[in-house]
Amino acid sequence: MSEEFSRAQRVSEVIRRELSVPLQRQSRDHNLGLVTITGVDVSPDFKQAKVYVTSIGSSLEPADVVRYLNQHSGPFRHHLSVNMKLRIIPRLHFVYDESVENGVRLSALIDSLSKPDTSPDE
């Protein structure tokens, strides 16, 4: 079981690395902003892969960026098939990763709690 786990991790990391270049090219060509892959989860049978992305500096909503990437996942999958030596190239499903925004929001909340209140009486 641990061998499968480590292989899935290795495949996920290679997919993340291999997709980064064409994803940056595609996002630059179509004004998607700075699209970053935050993680990849591969199914145990390697037929499906969830690619978690964030987008910064885009005029589009995150849902629109993800919709665009999912509609154009074919060229990304083809890129993987050319650059990876796998028997099965997983179908890619892009998902917006909200953890970065949640982290920024939590950090702002913590910062606001740590600041001393400045009341007009002082």
PDB file of N, CA and C in Angstrom:
ATOM      1  N   MET A   1       0.822  -1.199   0.000  1.00  0.00           N
ATOM      2  CA  MET A   1       0.000   0.000   0.000  1.00  0.00           C
ATOM      3  C   MET A   1       0.865   1.262   0.000  1.00  0.00           C
ATOM      4  N   SER A   2       1.965   1.245   0.751  1.00  0.00           N
ATOM      5  CA  SER A   2       2.814   2.432   0.796  1.00  0.00           C
ATOM      6  C   SER A   2       3.457   2.706  -0.557  1.00  0.00           C
ATOM      7  N   GLU A   3       3.710   1.635  -1.352  1.00  0.00           N
ATOM      8  CA  GLU A   3       4.277   1.827  -2.680  1.00  0.00           C
ATOM      9  C   GLU A   3       3.297   2.572  -3.578  1.00  0.00           C
ATOM     10  N   GLU A   4       2.004   2.229  -3.507  1.00  0.00           N
ATOM     11  CA  GLU A   4       0.994   2.930  -4.290  1.00  0.00           C
ATOM     12  C   GLU A   4       0.915   4.384  -3.873  1.00  0.00           C
ATOM     13  N   PHE A   5       0.989   4.607  -2.570  1.00  0.00           N
ATOM     14  CA  PHE A   5       0.896   5.968  -2.066  1.00  0.00           C
ATOM     15  C   PHE A   5       2.061   6.806  -2.583  1.00  0.00           C
ATOM     16  N   SER A   6       3.259   6.274  -2.510  1.00  0.00           N
ATOM     17  CA  SER A   6       4.402   7.053  -2.961  1.00  0.00           C
ATOM     18  C   SER A   6       4.373   7.243  -4.481  1.00  0.00           C
ATOM     19  N   ARG A   7       3.892   6.245  -5.220  1.00  0.00           N
ATOM     20  CA  ARG A   7       3.796   6.408  -6.670  1.00  0.00           C
ATOM     21  C   ARG A   7       2.767   7.484  -7.017  1.00  0.00           C
ATOM     22  N   ALA A   8       1.637   7.481  -6.326  1.00  0.00           N
ATOM     23  CA  ALA A   8       0.619   8.507  -6.570  1.00  0.00           C
ATOM     24  C   ALA A   8       1.183   9.891  -6.265  1.00  0.00           C
ATOM     25  N   GLN A   9       1.953   9.996  -5.205  1.00  0.00           N
ATOM     26  CA  GLN A   9       2.571  11.285  -4.875  1.00  0.00           C
ATOM     27  C   GLN A   9       3.553  11.712  -5.956  1.00  0.00           C
ATOM     28  N   ARG A  10       4.354  10.774  -6.430  1.00  0.00           N
ATOM     29  CA  ARG A  10       5.331  11.104  -7.469  1.00  0.00           C
ATOM     30  C   ARG A  10       4.639  11.523  -8.757  1.00  0.00           C
ATOM     31  N   VAL A  11       3.592  10.797  -9.144  1.00  0.00           N
ATOM     32  CA  VAL A  11       2.852  11.135 -10.365  1.00  0.00           C
ATOM     33  C   VAL A  11       2.191  12.508 -10.206  1.00  0.00           C
ATOM     34  N   SER A  12       1.628  12.782  -9.051  1.00  0.00           N
ATOM     35  CA  SER A  12       1.008  14.087  -8.791  1.00  0.00           C
ATOM     36  C   SER A  12       2.020  15.211  -8.927  1.00  0.00           C
ATOM     37  N   GLU A  13       3.199  15.003  -8.378  1.00  0.00           N
ATOM     38  CA  GLU A  13       4.234  16.033  -8.446  1.00  0.00           C
ATOM     39  C   GLU A  13       4.712  16.250  -9.878  1.00  0.00           C
ATOM     40  N   VAL A  14       4.866  15.181 -10.643  1.00  0.00           N
ATOM     41  CA  VAL A  14       5.300  15.317 -12.033  1.00  0.00           C
ATOM     42  C   VAL A  14       4.218  16.026 -12.852  1.00  0.00           C
ATOM     43  N   ILE A  15       2.959  15.702 -12.620  1.00  0.00           N
ATOM     44  CA  ILE A  15       1.868  16.384 -13.324  1.00  0.00           C
ATOM     45  C   ILE A  15       1.889  17.870 -12.990  1.00  0.00           C
ATOM     46  N   ARG A  16       2.053  18.199 -11.719  1.00  0.00           N
ATOM     47  CA  ARG A  16       2.092  19.608 -11.305  1.00  0.00           C
ATOM     48  C   ARG A  16       3.240  20.339 -12.010  1.00  0.00           C
ATOM     49  N   ARG A  17       4.392  19.728 -12.032  1.00  0.00           N
ATOM     50  CA  ARG A  17       5.564  20.347 -12.652  1.00  0.00           C
ATOM     51  C   ARG A  17       5.385  20.472 -14.170  1.00  0.00           C
ATOM     52  N   GLU A  18       4.879  19.414 -14.818  1.00  0.00           N
ATOM     53  CA  GLU A  18       4.731  19.420 -16.271  1.00  0.00           C
ATOM     54  C   GLU A  18       3.647  20.395 -16.740  1.00  0.00           C
ATOM     55  N   LEU A  19       2.603  20.584 -15.941  1.00  0.00           N
ATOM     56  CA  LEU A  19       1.518  21.483 -16.342  1.00  0.00           C
ATOM     57  C   LEU A  19       1.845  22.952 -16.120  1.00  0.00           C
ATOM     58  N   SER A  20       2.838  23.241 -15.317  1.00  0.00           N
ATOM     59  CA  SER A  20       3.091  24.637 -14.960  1.00  0.00           C
ATOM     60  C   SER A  20       3.465  25.497 -16.172  1.00  0.00           C
ATOM     61  N   VAL A  21       4.277  24.989 -17.073  1.00  0.00           N
ATOM     62  CA  VAL A  21       4.711  25.792 -18.226  1.00  0.00           C
ATOM     63  C   VAL A  21       3.561  26.063 -19.196  1.00  0.00           C
ATOM     64  N   PRO A  22       2.842  25.036 -19.678  1.00  0.00           N
ATOM     65  CA  PRO A  22       1.746  25.350 -20.608  1.00  0.00           C
ATOM     66  C   PRO A  22       0.618  26.140 -19.936  1.00  0.00           C
ATOM     67  N   LEU A  23       0.442  25.952 -18.639  1.00  0.00           N
ATOM     68  CA  LEU A  23      -0.594  26.700 -17.932  1.00  0.00           C
ATOM     69  C   LEU A  23      -0.238  28.181 -17.881  1.00  0.00           C
ATOM     70  N   GLN A  24       1.030  28.498 -17.630  1.00  0.00           N
ATOM     71  CA  GLN A  24       1.449  29.901 -17.623  1.00  0.00           C
ATOM     72  C   GLN A  24       1.322  30.528 -19.006  1.00  0.00           C
ATOM     73  N   ARG A  25       1.677  29.765 -20.034  1.00  0.00           N
ATOM     74  CA  ARG A  25       1.566  30.264 -21.407  1.00  0.00           C
ATOM     75  C   ARG A  25       0.102  30.536 -21.746  1.00  0.00           C
ATOM     76  N   GLN A  26      -0.767  29.598 -21.417  1.00  0.00           N
ATOM     77  CA  GLN A  26      -2.196  29.727 -21.710  1.00  0.00           C
ATOM     78  C   GLN A  26      -2.795  30.899 -20.935  1.00  0.00           C
ATOM     79  N   SER A  27      -2.425  31.043 -19.676  1.00  0.00           N
ATOM     80  CA  SER A  27      -2.999  32.127 -18.867  1.00  0.00           C
ATOM     81  C   SER A  27      -2.519  33.483 -19.357  1.00  0.00           C
ATOM     82  N   ARG A  28      -1.284  33.567 -19.837  1.00  0.00           N
ATOM     83  CA  ARG A  28      -0.765  34.831 -20.365  1.00  0.00           C
ATOM     84  C   ARG A  28      -1.459  35.180 -21.679  1.00  0.00           C
ATOM     85  N   ASP A  29      -1.690  34.178 -22.536  1.00  0.00           N
ATOM     86  CA  ASP A  29      -2.312  34.415 -23.840  1.00  0.00           C
ATOM     87  C   ASP A  29      -3.784  34.796 -23.732  1.00  0.00           C
ATOM     88  N   HIS A  30      -4.459  34.377 -22.671  1.00  0.00           N
ATOM     89  CA  HIS A  30      -5.905  34.594 -22.554  1.00  0.00           C
ATOM     90  C   HIS A  30      -6.290  35.458 -21.354  1.00  0.00           C
ATOM     91  N   ASN A  31      -5.338  36.225 -20.833  1.00  0.00           N
ATOM     92  CA  ASN A  31      -5.599  37.178 -19.745  1.00  0.00           C
ATOM     93  C   ASN A  31      -6.280  36.533 -18.543  1.00  0.00           C
ATOM     94  N   LEU A  32      -5.782  35.376 -18.130  1.00  0.00           N
ATOM     95  CA  LEU A  32      -6.337  34.697 -16.957  1.00  0.00           C
ATOM     96  C   LEU A  32      -5.653  35.129 -15.669  1.00  0.00           C
ATOM     97  N   GLY A  33      -4.691  36.023 -15.763  1.00  0.00           N
ATOM     98  CA  GLY A  33      -3.939  36.433 -14.594  1.00  0.00           C
ATOM     99  C   GLY A  33      -2.838  35.431 -14.305  1.00  0.00           C
ATOM    100  N   LEU A  34      -2.303  35.486 -13.114  1.00  0.00           N
ATOM    101  CA  LEU A  34      -1.265  34.552 -12.693  1.00  0.00           C
ATOM    102  C   LEU A  34      -1.950  33.311 -12.129  1.00  0.00           C
ATOM    103  N   VAL A  35      -1.948  32.240 -12.903  1.00  0.00           N
ATOM    104  CA  VAL A  35      -2.568  30.989 -12.480  1.00  0.00           C
ATOM    105  C   VAL A  35      -1.471  30.095 -11.912  1.00  0.00           C
ATOM    106  N   THR A  36      -1.687  29.638 -10.683  1.00  0.00           N
ATOM    107  CA  THR A  36      -0.710  28.810  -9.996  1.00  0.00           C
ATOM    108  C   THR A  36      -1.346  27.489  -9.609  1.00  0.00           C
ATOM    109  N   ILE A  37      -0.625  26.406  -9.816  1.00  0.00           N
ATOM    110  CA  ILE A  37      -1.086  25.091  -9.389  1.00  0.00           C
ATOM    111  C   ILE A  37      -0.644  24.895  -7.946  1.00  0.00           C
ATOM    112  N   THR A  38      -1.615  24.713  -7.053  1.00  0.00           N
ATOM    113  CA  THR A  38      -1.287  24.529  -5.639  1.00  0.00           C
ATOM    114  C   THR A  38      -1.207  23.068  -5.260  1.00  0.00           C
ATOM    115  N   GLY A  39      -1.774  22.191  -6.060  1.00  0.00           N
ATOM    116  CA  GLY A  39      -1.703  20.768  -5.752  1.00  0.00           C
ATOM    117  C   GLY A  39      -2.389  19.940  -6.813  1.00  0.00           C
ATOM    118  N   VAL A  40      -2.071  18.653  -6.812  1.00  0.00           N
ATOM    119  CA  VAL A  40      -2.693  17.709  -7.735  1.00  0.00           C
ATOM    120  C   VAL A  40      -3.008  16.443  -6.948  1.00  0.00           C
ATOM    121  N   ASP A  41      -4.241  15.970  -7.069  1.00  0.00           N
ATOM    122  CA  ASP A  41      -4.643  14.693  -6.479  1.00  0.00           C
ATOM    123  C   ASP A  41      -4.972  13.734  -7.605  1.00  0.00           C
ATOM    124  N   VAL A  42      -4.299  12.587  -7.607  1.00  0.00           N
ATOM    125  CA  VAL A  42      -4.524  11.576  -8.632  1.00  0.00           C
ATOM    126  C   VAL A  42      -5.325  10.444  -8.013  1.00  0.00           C
ATOM    127  N   SER A  43      -6.315   9.937  -8.761  1.00  0.00           N
ATOM    128  CA  SER A  43      -7.115   8.822  -8.271  1.00  0.00           C
ATOM    129  C   SER A  43      -6.237   7.566  -8.202  1.00  0.00           C
ATOM    130  N   PRO A  44      -6.623   6.587  -7.398  1.00  0.00           N
ATOM    131  CA  PRO A  44      -5.806   5.378  -7.248  1.00  0.00           C
ATOM    132  C   PRO A  44      -5.570   4.624  -8.556  1.00  0.00           C
ATOM    133  N   ASP A  45      -6.502   4.711  -9.505  1.00  0.00           N
ATOM    134  CA  ASP A  45      -6.315   4.022 -10.786  1.00  0.00           C
ATOM    135  C   ASP A  45      -5.633   4.913 -11.837  1.00  0.00           C
ATOM    136  N   PHE A  46      -5.247   6.124 -11.456  1.00  0.00           N
ATOM    137  CA  PHE A  46      -4.544   7.085 -12.307  1.00  0.00           C
ATOM    138  C   PHE A  46      -5.356   7.518 -13.527  1.00  0.00           C
ATOM    139  N   LYS A  47      -6.671   7.381 -13.471  1.00  0.00           N
ATOM    140  CA  LYS A  47      -7.499   7.794 -14.603  1.00  0.00           C
ATOM    141  C   LYS A  47      -8.014   9.222 -14.461  1.00  0.00           C
ATOM    142  N   GLN A  48      -8.030   9.739 -13.261  1.00  0.00           N
ATOM    143  CA  GLN A  48      -8.537  11.082 -12.996  1.00  0.00           C
ATOM    144  C   GLN A  48      -7.507  11.848 -12.172  1.00  0.00           C
ATOM    145  N   ALA A  49      -7.433  13.152 -12.417  1.00  0.00           N
ATOM    146  CA  ALA A  49      -6.560  14.011 -11.611  1.00  0.00           C
ATOM    147  C   ALA A  49      -7.275  15.327 -11.352  1.00  0.00           C
ATOM    148  N   LYS A  50      -7.331  15.718 -10.085  1.00  0.00           N
ATOM    149  CA  LYS A  50      -7.848  17.029  -9.715  1.00  0.00           C
ATOM    150  C   LYS A  50      -6.659  17.966  -9.604  1.00  0.00           C
ATOM    151  N   VAL A  51      -6.720  19.038 -10.360  1.00  0.00           N
ATOM    152  CA  VAL A  51      -5.640  20.026 -10.357  1.00  0.00           C
ATOM    153  C   VAL A  51      -6.170  21.267  -9.644  1.00  0.00           C
ATOM    154  N   TYR A  52      -5.605  21.566  -8.478  1.00  0.00           N
ATOM    155  CA  TYR A  52      -6.040  22.710  -7.691  1.00  0.00           C
ATOM    156  C   TYR A  52      -5.252  23.941  -8.126  1.00  0.00           C
ATOM    157  N   VAL A  53      -5.973  25.013  -8.477  1.00  0.00           N
ATOM    158  CA  VAL A  53      -5.340  26.224  -8.984  1.00  0.00           C
ATOM    159  C   VAL A  53      -5.834  27.454  -8.230  1.00  0.00           C
ATOM    160  N   THR A  54      -5.011  28.487  -8.251  1.00  0.00           N
ATOM    161  CA  THR A  54      -5.415  29.813  -7.784  1.00  0.00           C
ATOM    162  C   THR A  54      -5.120  30.800  -8.911  1.00  0.00           C
ATOM    163  N   SER A  55      -5.795  31.918  -8.885  1.00  0.00           N
ATOM    164  CA  SER A  55      -5.588  32.934  -9.908  1.00  0.00           C
ATOM    165  C   SER A  55      -5.503  34.295  -9.246  1.00  0.00           C
ATOM    166  N   ILE A  56      -4.454  35.022  -9.592  1.00  0.00           N
ATOM    167  CA  ILE A  56      -4.237  36.359  -9.041  1.00  0.00           C
ATOM    168  C   ILE A  56      -4.100  37.332 -10.202  1.00  0.00           C
ATOM    169  N   GLY A  57      -4.743  38.463 -10.084  1.00  0.00           N
ATOM    170  CA  GLY A  57      -4.583  39.514 -11.083  1.00  0.00           C
ATOM    171  C   GLY A  57      -5.405  39.305 -12.343  1.00  0.00           C
ATOM    172  N   SER A  58      -6.463  38.528 -12.247  1.00  0.00           N
ATOM    173  CA  SER A  58      -7.315  38.294 -13.404  1.00  0.00           C
ATOM    174  C   SER A  58      -8.548  39.174 -13.319  1.00  0.00           C
ATOM    175  N   SER A  59      -9.021  39.610 -14.474  1.00  0.00           N
ATOM    176  CA  SER A  59     -10.266  40.373 -14.501  1.00  0.00           C
ATOM    177  C   SER A  59     -11.469  39.432 -14.412  1.00  0.00           C
ATOM    178  N   LEU A  60     -11.218  38.129 -14.555  1.00  0.00           N
ATOM    179  CA  LEU A  60     -12.290  37.127 -14.492  1.00  0.00           C
ATOM    180  C   LEU A  60     -12.487  36.645 -13.067  1.00  0.00           C
ATOM    181  N   GLU A  61     -13.682  36.173 -12.800  1.00  0.00           N
ATOM    182  CA  GLU A  61     -13.961  35.530 -11.517  1.00  0.00           C
ATOM    183  C   GLU A  61     -13.242  34.183 -11.476  1.00  0.00           C
ATOM    184  N   PRO A  62     -12.889  33.691 -10.285  1.00  0.00           N
ATOM    185  CA  PRO A  62     -12.223  32.393 -10.190  1.00  0.00           C
ATOM    186  C   PRO A  62     -13.012  31.259 -10.858  1.00  0.00           C
ATOM    187  N   ALA A  63     -14.339  31.292 -10.753  1.00  0.00           N
ATOM    188  CA  ALA A  63     -15.158  30.254 -11.386  1.00  0.00           C
ATOM    189  C   ALA A  63     -15.016  30.286 -12.902  1.00  0.00           C
ATOM    190  N   ASP A  64     -14.869  31.479 -13.469  1.00  0.00           N
ATOM    191  CA  ASP A  64     -14.693  31.607 -14.915  1.00  0.00           C
ATOM    192  C   ASP A  64     -13.326  31.096 -15.361  1.00  0.00           C
ATOM    193  N   VAL A  65     -12.305  31.345 -14.546  1.00  0.00           N
ATOM    194  CA  VAL A  65     -10.961  30.849 -14.858  1.00  0.00           C
ATOM    195  C   VAL A  65     -10.976  29.318 -14.857  1.00  0.00           C
ATOM    196  N   VAL A  66     -11.581  28.729 -13.841  1.00  0.00           N
ATOM    197  CA  VAL A  66     -11.652  27.267 -13.743  1.00  0.00           C
ATOM    198  C   VAL A  66     -12.485  26.700 -14.889  1.00  0.00           C
ATOM    199  N   ARG A  67     -13.576  27.353 -15.216  1.00  0.00           N
ATOM    200  CA  ARG A  67     -14.415  26.892 -16.332  1.00  0.00           C
ATOM    201  C   ARG A  67     -13.619  26.899 -17.632  1.00  0.00           C
ATOM    202  N   TYR A  68     -12.859  27.963 -17.863  1.00  0.00           N
ATOM    203  CA  TYR A  68     -12.031  28.055 -19.067  1.00  0.00           C
ATOM    204  C   TYR A  68     -11.000  26.920 -19.100  1.00  0.00           C
ATOM    205  N   LEU A  69     -10.321  26.694 -17.971  1.00  0.00           N
ATOM    206  CA  LEU A  69      -9.302  25.643 -17.925  1.00  0.00           C
ATOM    207  C   LEU A  69      -9.910  24.263 -18.161  1.00  0.00           C
ATOM    208  N   ASN A  70     -11.084  24.015 -17.585  1.00  0.00           N
ATOM    209  CA  ASN A  70     -11.740  22.718 -17.789  1.00  0.00           C
ATOM    210  C   ASN A  70     -12.180  22.540 -19.238  1.00  0.00           C
ATOM    211  N   GLN A  71     -12.631  23.602 -19.866  1.00  0.00           N
ATOM    212  CA  GLN A  71     -13.044  23.509 -21.270  1.00  0.00           C
ATOM    213  C   GLN A  71     -11.854  23.268 -22.192  1.00  0.00           C
ATOM    214  N   HIS A  72     -10.679  23.703 -21.778  1.00  0.00           N
ATOM    215  CA  HIS A  72      -9.483  23.558 -22.605  1.00  0.00           C
ATOM    216  C   HIS A  72      -8.483  22.579 -21.979  1.00  0.00           C
ATOM    217  N   SER A  73      -8.974  21.572 -21.291  1.00  0.00           N
ATOM    218  CA  SER A  73      -8.075  20.618 -20.636  1.00  0.00           C
ATOM    219  C   SER A  73      -7.431  19.650 -21.622  1.00  0.00           C
ATOM    220  N   GLY A  74      -7.986  19.517 -22.824  1.00  0.00           N
ATOM    221  CA  GLY A  74      -7.437  18.604 -23.828  1.00  0.00           C
ATOM    222  C   GLY A  74      -5.983  18.880 -24.184  1.00  0.00           C
ATOM    223  N   PRO A  75      -5.634  20.130 -24.517  1.00  0.00           N
ATOM    224  CA  PRO A  75      -4.228  20.417 -24.819  1.00  0.00           C
ATOM    225  C   PRO A  75      -3.288  20.163 -23.634  1.00  0.00           C
ATOM    226  N   PHE A  76      -3.761  20.394 -22.420  1.00  0.00           N
ATOM    227  CA  PHE A  76      -2.933  20.112 -21.247  1.00  0.00           C
ATOM    228  C   PHE A  76      -2.694  18.600 -21.124  1.00  0.00           C
ATOM    229  N   ARG A  77      -3.731  17.835 -21.357  1.00  0.00           N
ATOM    230  CA  ARG A  77      -3.609  16.373 -21.287  1.00  0.00           C
ATOM    231  C   ARG A  77      -2.678  15.869 -22.394  1.00  0.00           C
ATOM    232  N   HIS A  78      -2.787  16.461 -23.573  1.00  0.00           N
ATOM    233  CA  HIS A  78      -1.893  16.081 -24.670  1.00  0.00           C
ATOM    234  C   HIS A  78      -0.444  16.396 -24.310  1.00  0.00           C
ATOM    235  N   HIS A  79      -0.226  17.535 -23.694  1.00  0.00           N
ATOM    236  CA  HIS A  79       1.122  17.902 -23.249  1.00  0.00           C
ATOM    237  C   HIS A  79       1.665  16.851 -22.283  1.00  0.00           C
ATOM    238  N   LEU A  80       0.819  16.388 -21.371  1.00  0.00           N
ATOM    239  CA  LEU A  80       1.248  15.341 -20.431  1.00  0.00           C
ATOM    240  C   LEU A  80       1.583  14.052 -21.160  1.00  0.00           C
ATOM    241  N   SER A  81       0.770  13.707 -22.162  1.00  0.00           N
ATOM    242  CA  SER A  81       1.007  12.446 -22.874  1.00  0.00           C
ATOM    243  C   SER A  81       2.329  12.467 -23.630  1.00  0.00           C
ATOM    244  N   VAL A  82       2.744  13.644 -24.081  1.00  0.00           N
ATOM    245  CA  VAL A  82       4.011  13.757 -24.799  1.00  0.00           C
ATOM    246  C   VAL A  82       5.191  13.737 -23.828  1.00  0.00           C
ATOM    247  N   ASN A  83       5.028  14.333 -22.652  1.00  0.00           N
ATOM    248  CA  ASN A  83       6.147  14.527 -21.738  1.00  0.00           C
ATOM    249  C   ASN A  83       6.232  13.543 -20.580  1.00  0.00           C
ATOM    250  N   MET A  84       5.218  12.693 -20.413  1.00  0.00           N
ATOM    251  CA  MET A  84       5.240  11.725 -19.323  1.00  0.00           C
ATOM    252  C   MET A  84       5.187  10.313 -19.885  1.00  0.00           C
ATOM    253  N   LYS A  85       5.809   9.416 -19.185  1.00  0.00           N
ATOM    254  CA  LYS A  85       5.801   8.017 -19.611  1.00  0.00           C
ATOM    255  C   LYS A  85       4.853   7.235 -18.714  1.00  0.00           C
ATOM    256  N   LEU A  86       3.572   7.417 -18.975  1.00  0.00           N
ATOM    257  CA  LEU A  86       2.534   6.686 -18.244  1.00  0.00           C
ATOM    258  C   LEU A  86       1.689   5.919 -19.240  1.00  0.00           C
ATOM    259  N   ARG A  87       1.224   4.776 -18.812  1.00  0.00           N
ATOM    260  CA  ARG A  87       0.334   4.007 -19.675  1.00  0.00           C
ATOM    261  C   ARG A  87      -1.008   4.712 -19.811  1.00  0.00           C
ATOM    262  N   ILE A  88      -1.478   5.276 -18.729  1.00  0.00           N
ATOM    263  CA  ILE A  88      -2.765   5.989 -18.725  1.00  0.00           C
ATOM    264  C   ILE A  88      -2.489   7.439 -18.339  1.00  0.00           C
ATOM    265  N   ILE A  89      -2.890   8.343 -19.205  1.00  0.00           N
ATOM    266  CA  ILE A  89      -2.781   9.775 -18.891  1.00  0.00           C
ATOM    267  C   ILE A  89      -4.113  10.179 -18.263  1.00  0.00           C
ATOM    268  N   PRO A  90      -4.078  10.705 -17.046  1.00  0.00           N
ATOM    269  CA  PRO A  90      -5.337  11.018 -16.350  1.00  0.00           C
ATOM    270  C   PRO A  90      -6.113  12.159 -17.015  1.00  0.00           C
ATOM    271  N   ARG A  91      -7.429  12.070 -16.900  1.00  0.00           N
ATOM    272  CA  ARG A  91      -8.282  13.192 -17.303  1.00  0.00           C
ATOM    273  C   ARG A  91      -8.121  14.270 -16.248  1.00  0.00           C
ATOM    274  N   LEU A  92      -7.993  15.501 -16.702  1.00  0.00           N
ATOM    275  CA  LEU A  92      -7.732  16.613 -15.795  1.00  0.00           C
ATOM    276  C   LEU A  92      -9.023  17.337 -15.448  1.00  0.00           C
ATOM    277  N   HIS A  93      -9.195  17.586 -14.180  1.00  0.00           N
ATOM    278  CA  HIS A  93     -10.333  18.364 -13.699  1.00  0.00           C
ATOM    279  C   HIS A  93      -9.771  19.483 -12.826  1.00  0.00           C
ATOM    280  N   PHE A  94      -9.909  20.725 -13.292  1.00  0.00           N
ATOM    281  CA  PHE A  94      -9.381  21.873 -12.569  1.00  0.00           C
ATOM    282  C   PHE A  94     -10.380  22.333 -11.517  1.00  0.00           C
ATOM    283  N   VAL A  95      -9.867  22.642 -10.328  1.00  0.00           N
ATOM    284  CA  VAL A  95     -10.680  23.066  -9.190  1.00  0.00           C
ATOM    285  C   VAL A  95     -10.004  24.291  -8.583  1.00  0.00           C
ATOM    286  N   TYR A  96     -10.811  25.305  -8.247  1.00  0.00           N
ATOM    287  CA  TYR A  96     -10.246  26.499  -7.620  1.00  0.00           C
ATOM    288  C   TYR A  96      -9.923  26.202  -6.164  1.00  0.00           C
ATOM    289  N   ASP A  97      -8.702  26.514  -5.755  1.00  0.00           N
ATOM    290  CA  ASP A  97      -8.240  26.267  -4.388  1.00  0.00           C
ATOM    291  C   ASP A  97      -8.456  27.528  -3.557  1.00  0.00           C
ATOM    292  N   GLU A  98      -9.379  27.451  -2.648  1.00  0.00           N
ATOM    293  CA  GLU A  98      -9.718  28.614  -1.818  1.00  0.00           C
ATOM    294  C   GLU A  98      -8.850  28.719  -0.576  1.00  0.00           C
ATOM    295  N   SER A  99      -7.938  27.782  -0.362  1.00  0.00           N
ATOM    296  CA  SER A  99      -7.148  27.777   0.863  1.00  0.00           C
ATOM    297  C   SER A  99      -6.254  29.012   0.981  1.00  0.00           C
ATOM    298  N   VAL A 100      -5.765  29.533  -0.135  1.00  0.00           N
ATOM    299  CA  VAL A 100      -4.915  30.723  -0.083  1.00  0.00           C
ATOM    300  C   VAL A 100      -5.736  31.921   0.399  1.00  0.00           C
ATOM    301  N   GLU A 101      -6.913  32.098  -0.179  1.00  0.00           N
ATOM    302  CA  GLU A 101      -7.775  33.206   0.248  1.00  0.00           C
ATOM    303  C   GLU A 101      -8.203  33.034   1.703  1.00  0.00           C
ATOM    304  N   ASN A 102      -8.515  31.801   2.096  1.00  0.00           N
ATOM    305  CA  ASN A 102      -8.893  31.547   3.488  1.00  0.00           C
ATOM    306  C   ASN A 102      -7.736  31.870   4.427  1.00  0.00           C
ATOM    307  N   GLY A 103      -6.516  31.532   4.033  1.00  0.00           N
ATOM    308  CA  GLY A 103      -5.345  31.836   4.849  1.00  0.00           C
ATOM    309  C   GLY A 103      -5.131  33.329   5.003  1.00  0.00           C
ATOM    310  N   VAL A 104      -5.305  34.079   3.929  1.00  0.00           N
ATOM    311  CA  VAL A 104      -5.147  35.542   3.985  1.00  0.00           C
ATOM    312  C   VAL A 104      -6.218  36.143   4.898  1.00  0.00           C
ATOM    313  N   ARG A 105      -7.451  35.636   4.758  1.00  0.00           N
ATOM    314  CA  ARG A 105      -8.540  36.150   5.592  1.00  0.00           C
ATOM    315  C   ARG A 105      -8.298  35.844   7.074  1.00  0.00           C
ATOM    316  N   LEU A 106      -7.855  34.623   7.385  1.00  0.00           N
ATOM    317  CA  LEU A 106      -7.562  34.268   8.774  1.00  0.00           C
ATOM    318  C   LEU A 106      -6.402  35.084   9.321  1.00  0.00           C
ATOM    319  N   SER A 107      -5.395  35.296   8.508  1.00  0.00           N
ATOM    320  CA  SER A 107      -4.257  36.101   8.939  1.00  0.00           C
ATOM    321  C   SER A 107      -4.693  37.531   9.259  1.00  0.00           C
ATOM    322  N   ALA A 108      -5.575  38.089   8.423  1.00  0.00           N
ATOM    323  CA  ALA A 108      -6.085  39.440   8.679  1.00  0.00           C
ATOM    324  C   ALA A 108      -6.899  39.481   9.970  1.00  0.00           C
ATOM    325  N   LEU A 109      -7.686  38.432  10.216  1.00  0.00           N
ATOM    326  CA  LEU A 109      -8.459  38.381  11.457  1.00  0.00           C
ATOM    327  C   LEU A 109      -7.544  38.304  12.670  1.00  0.00           C
ATOM    328  N   ILE A 110      -6.522  37.495  12.597  1.00  0.00           N
ATOM    329  CA  ILE A 110      -5.577  37.372  13.719  1.00  0.00           C
ATOM    330  C   ILE A 110      -4.856  38.690  13.938  1.00  0.00           C
ATOM    331  N   ASP A 111      -4.450  39.344  12.856  1.00  0.00           N
ATOM    332  CA  ASP A 111      -3.784  40.642  12.985  1.00  0.00           C
ATOM    333  C   ASP A 111      -4.704  41.671  13.618  1.00  0.00           C
ATOM    334  N   SER A 112      -5.988  41.636  13.260  1.00  0.00           N
ATOM    335  CA  SER A 112      -6.917  42.613  13.832  1.00  0.00           C
ATOM    336  C   SER A 112      -7.145  42.354  15.319  1.00  0.00           C
ATOM    337  N   LEU A 113      -7.046  41.108  15.744  1.00  0.00           N
ATOM    338  CA  LEU A 113      -7.205  40.798  17.167  1.00  0.00           C
ATOM    339  C   LEU A 113      -5.967  41.172  17.972  1.00  0.00           C
ATOM    340  N   SER A 114      -4.816  41.103  17.376  1.00  0.00           N
ATOM    341  CA  SER A 114      -3.585  41.376  18.109  1.00  0.00           C
ATOM    342  C   SER A 114      -3.312  42.872  18.257  1.00  0.00           C
ATOM    343  N   LYS A 115      -3.966  43.723  17.463  1.00  0.00           N
ATOM    344  CA  LYS A 115      -3.775  45.152  17.579  1.00  0.00           C
ATOM    345  C   LYS A 115      -4.523  45.670  18.802  1.00  0.00           C
ATOM    346  N   PRO A 116      -3.905  46.525  19.588  1.00  0.00           N
ATOM    347  CA  PRO A 116      -4.620  47.103  20.731  1.00  0.00           C
ATOM    348  C   PRO A 116      -5.692  48.065  20.257  1.00  0.00           C
ATOM    349  N   ASP A 117      -6.805  48.043  20.953  1.00  0.00           N
ATOM    350  CA  ASP A 117      -7.898  48.966  20.615  1.00  0.00           C
ATOM    351  C   ASP A 117      -7.466  50.395  20.968  1.00  0.00           C
ATOM    352  N   THR A 118      -7.703  51.271  20.040  1.00  0.00           N
ATOM    353  CA  THR A 118      -7.440  52.683  20.302  1.00  0.00           C
ATOM    354  C   THR A 118      -8.777  53.380  20.496  1.00  0.00           C
ATOM    355  N   SER A 119      -9.115  53.593  21.732  1.00  0.00           N
ATOM    356  CA  SER A 119     -10.388  54.249  22.025  1.00  0.00           C
ATOM    357  C   SER A 119     -10.142  55.737  22.220  1.00  0.00           C
ATOM    358  N   PRO A 120     -11.152  56.540  21.984  1.00  0.00           N
ATOM    359  CA  PRO A 120     -10.989  57.997  22.098  1.00  0.00           C
ATOM    360  C   PRO A 120     -10.696  58.457  23.522  1.00  0.00           C
ATOM    361  N   ASP A 121     -10.961  57.629  24.561  1.00  0.00           N
ATOM    362  CA  ASP A 121     -10.715  58.011  25.940  1.00  0.00           C
ATOM    363  C   ASP A 121      -9.233  58.029  26.268  1.00  0.00           C
ATOM    364  N   GLU A 122      -8.424  57.309  25.515  1.00  0.00           N
ATOM    365  CA  GLU A 122      -6.998  57.201  25.842  1.00  0.00           C
ATOM    366  C   GLU A 122      -6.202  58.310  25.249  1.00  0.00           C
TER     367      GLU A 122
END
